[in-house]
């Protein structure tokens, strides 16, 4: 199996990546929203759901 970032052989320690660097690159892509699932855009609701009242301690 090859690393999905750089195509080098994978290292069992970082599987499916070859190194911590490539694992971090992948994580960064997830955190910045670079990876998306194709589909129709969903509009957000104008009124978010209300949270239940907090109970006093």
N, C-alpha and C. Protein backbone atom coordinates (compact mmCIF):
# COMPACT_ATOMS: atom_id res chain seq x y z
N UNK A 1 0.85 -1.17 0.00
CA UNK A 1 0.00 0.00 0.00
C UNK A 1 0.90 1.24 0.00
N UNK A 2 0.49 2.26 -0.71
CA UNK A 2 1.28 3.49 -0.75
C UNK A 2 0.57 4.61 0.00
N UNK A 3 1.37 5.57 0.45
CA UNK A 3 0.87 6.72 1.19
C UNK A 3 -0.06 7.54 0.30
N UNK A 4 -1.25 7.90 0.79
CA UNK A 4 -2.18 8.68 -0.03
C UNK A 4 -1.72 10.12 -0.27
N UNK A 5 -0.73 10.59 0.47
CA UNK A 5 -0.24 11.96 0.30
C UNK A 5 0.91 12.02 -0.70
N UNK A 6 1.94 11.16 -0.51
CA UNK A 6 3.14 11.26 -1.36
C UNK A 6 3.43 10.01 -2.18
N UNK A 7 2.67 8.95 -1.99
CA UNK A 7 2.80 7.69 -2.74
C UNK A 7 4.02 6.85 -2.37
N UNK A 8 4.73 7.18 -1.29
CA UNK A 8 5.82 6.33 -0.80
C UNK A 8 5.21 5.13 -0.09
N UNK A 9 6.05 4.11 0.20
CA UNK A 9 5.58 2.96 0.96
C UNK A 9 5.16 3.40 2.36
N UNK A 10 4.11 2.77 2.87
CA UNK A 10 3.61 3.15 4.19
C UNK A 10 4.48 2.60 5.30
N UNK A 11 4.44 3.26 6.44
CA UNK A 11 5.14 2.83 7.64
C UNK A 11 4.07 2.34 8.60
N UNK A 12 4.20 1.11 9.13
CA UNK A 12 3.16 0.59 10.04
C UNK A 12 2.87 1.53 11.21
N UNK A 13 3.85 2.30 11.64
CA UNK A 13 3.64 3.22 12.76
C UNK A 13 2.67 4.34 12.40
N UNK A 14 2.62 4.74 11.12
CA UNK A 14 1.78 5.86 10.69
C UNK A 14 0.72 5.44 9.68
N UNK A 15 0.47 4.17 9.57
CA UNK A 15 -0.43 3.64 8.56
C UNK A 15 -1.75 4.40 8.52
N UNK A 16 -2.26 4.79 7.40
CA UNK A 16 -1.88 4.46 6.04
C UNK A 16 -0.84 5.41 5.44
N UNK A 17 -0.18 6.21 6.26
CA UNK A 17 0.78 7.19 5.76
C UNK A 17 2.20 6.64 5.90
N UNK A 18 3.16 7.36 5.30
CA UNK A 18 4.56 6.94 5.36
C UNK A 18 5.29 7.61 6.51
N UNK A 19 4.75 8.70 7.03
CA UNK A 19 5.45 9.46 8.07
C UNK A 19 4.46 10.34 8.83
N UNK A 20 4.94 10.89 9.94
CA UNK A 20 4.12 11.82 10.72
C UNK A 20 3.81 13.06 9.88
N UNK A 21 4.77 13.48 9.06
CA UNK A 21 4.58 14.66 8.21
C UNK A 21 3.36 14.48 7.31
N UNK A 22 3.27 13.34 6.63
CA UNK A 22 2.13 13.11 5.74
C UNK A 22 0.83 12.96 6.53
N UNK A 23 0.89 12.34 7.71
CA UNK A 23 -0.29 12.24 8.56
C UNK A 23 -0.77 13.63 8.98
N UNK A 24 0.18 14.51 9.31
CA UNK A 24 -0.18 15.87 9.70
C UNK A 24 -0.74 16.67 8.53
N UNK A 25 -0.21 16.46 7.34
CA UNK A 25 -0.76 17.13 6.15
C UNK A 25 -2.21 16.72 5.95
N UNK A 26 -2.50 15.43 6.09
CA UNK A 26 -3.86 14.94 5.94
C UNK A 26 -4.78 15.53 7.01
N UNK A 27 -4.32 15.56 8.24
CA UNK A 27 -5.12 16.15 9.33
C UNK A 27 -5.41 17.62 9.04
N UNK A 28 -4.40 18.35 8.57
CA UNK A 28 -4.60 19.75 8.23
C UNK A 28 -5.65 19.94 7.15
N UNK A 29 -5.66 19.05 6.19
CA UNK A 29 -6.67 19.13 5.13
C UNK A 29 -8.07 18.91 5.68
N UNK A 30 -8.22 17.99 6.64
CA UNK A 30 -9.52 17.77 7.26
C UNK A 30 -9.94 19.00 8.06
N UNK A 31 -9.01 19.55 8.83
CA UNK A 31 -9.35 20.68 9.70
C UNK A 31 -9.67 21.95 8.95
N UNK A 32 -9.11 22.13 7.76
CA UNK A 32 -9.39 23.34 6.99
C UNK A 32 -10.56 23.16 6.03
N UNK A 33 -11.15 21.97 6.01
CA UNK A 33 -12.29 21.73 5.14
C UNK A 33 -11.92 21.44 3.69
N UNK A 34 -10.68 21.05 3.43
CA UNK A 34 -10.26 20.74 2.07
C UNK A 34 -10.95 19.49 1.54
N UNK A 35 -11.27 18.56 2.43
CA UNK A 35 -11.96 17.34 2.02
C UNK A 35 -13.46 17.58 2.18
N UNK A 36 -14.20 17.30 1.14
CA UNK A 36 -15.66 17.44 1.20
C UNK A 36 -16.29 16.24 0.51
N UNK A 37 -17.48 15.92 0.92
CA UNK A 37 -18.25 14.87 0.29
C UNK A 37 -19.14 15.53 -0.76
N UNK A 38 -19.03 15.11 -2.02
CA UNK A 38 -19.84 15.75 -3.05
C UNK A 38 -21.34 15.57 -2.78
N UNK A 39 -22.09 16.57 -3.10
CA UNK A 39 -23.53 16.52 -2.92
C UNK A 39 -24.12 17.91 -3.03
N UNK A 40 -25.41 17.99 -2.90
CA UNK A 40 -26.10 19.27 -2.96
C UNK A 40 -25.81 20.07 -1.70
N UNK A 41 -25.67 21.36 -1.85
CA UNK A 41 -25.44 22.24 -0.71
C UNK A 41 -26.69 22.26 0.17
N UNK A 42 -26.49 22.29 1.46
CA UNK A 42 -27.59 22.32 2.42
C UNK A 42 -27.60 23.71 3.06
N UNK A 43 -28.75 24.35 3.01
CA UNK A 43 -28.87 25.67 3.64
C UNK A 43 -29.04 25.50 5.14
N UNK A 44 -28.38 26.37 5.89
CA UNK A 44 -28.52 26.33 7.33
C UNK A 44 -29.83 27.01 7.73
N UNK A 45 -30.40 26.56 8.82
CA UNK A 45 -31.64 27.14 9.32
C UNK A 45 -31.37 28.53 9.89
N UNK A 46 -32.33 29.44 9.71
CA UNK A 46 -32.19 30.78 10.26
C UNK A 46 -32.25 30.75 11.78
N UNK A 47 -33.06 29.86 12.33
CA UNK A 47 -33.24 29.76 13.77
C UNK A 47 -32.64 28.44 14.26
N UNK A 48 -31.48 28.48 14.89
CA UNK A 48 -30.91 27.23 15.39
C UNK A 48 -31.79 26.66 16.50
N UNK A 49 -31.72 25.37 16.73
CA UNK A 49 -32.56 24.77 17.79
C UNK A 49 -32.19 25.36 19.15
N UNK A 50 -33.20 25.51 19.98
CA UNK A 50 -32.96 26.08 21.31
C UNK A 50 -32.41 25.01 22.23
N UNK A 51 -31.50 25.44 23.09
CA UNK A 51 -30.95 24.53 24.08
C UNK A 51 -31.85 24.50 25.30
N UNK A 52 -31.91 23.35 25.99
CA UNK A 52 -32.74 23.30 27.20
C UNK A 52 -32.12 24.22 28.26
N UNK A 53 -32.95 24.73 29.16
CA UNK A 53 -32.42 25.63 30.21
C UNK A 53 -31.43 24.88 31.10
N UNK A 54 -30.45 25.61 31.56
CA UNK A 54 -29.44 25.02 32.45
C UNK A 54 -30.00 24.88 33.85
N UNK A 55 -29.66 23.79 34.48
CA UNK A 55 -30.07 23.58 35.87
C UNK A 55 -29.06 24.24 36.80
N UNK A 56 -29.51 24.93 37.83
CA UNK A 56 -28.55 25.51 38.79
C UNK A 56 -27.83 24.40 39.55
N UNK A 57 -26.65 24.71 40.01
CA UNK A 57 -25.86 23.72 40.77
C UNK A 57 -26.19 23.77 42.21
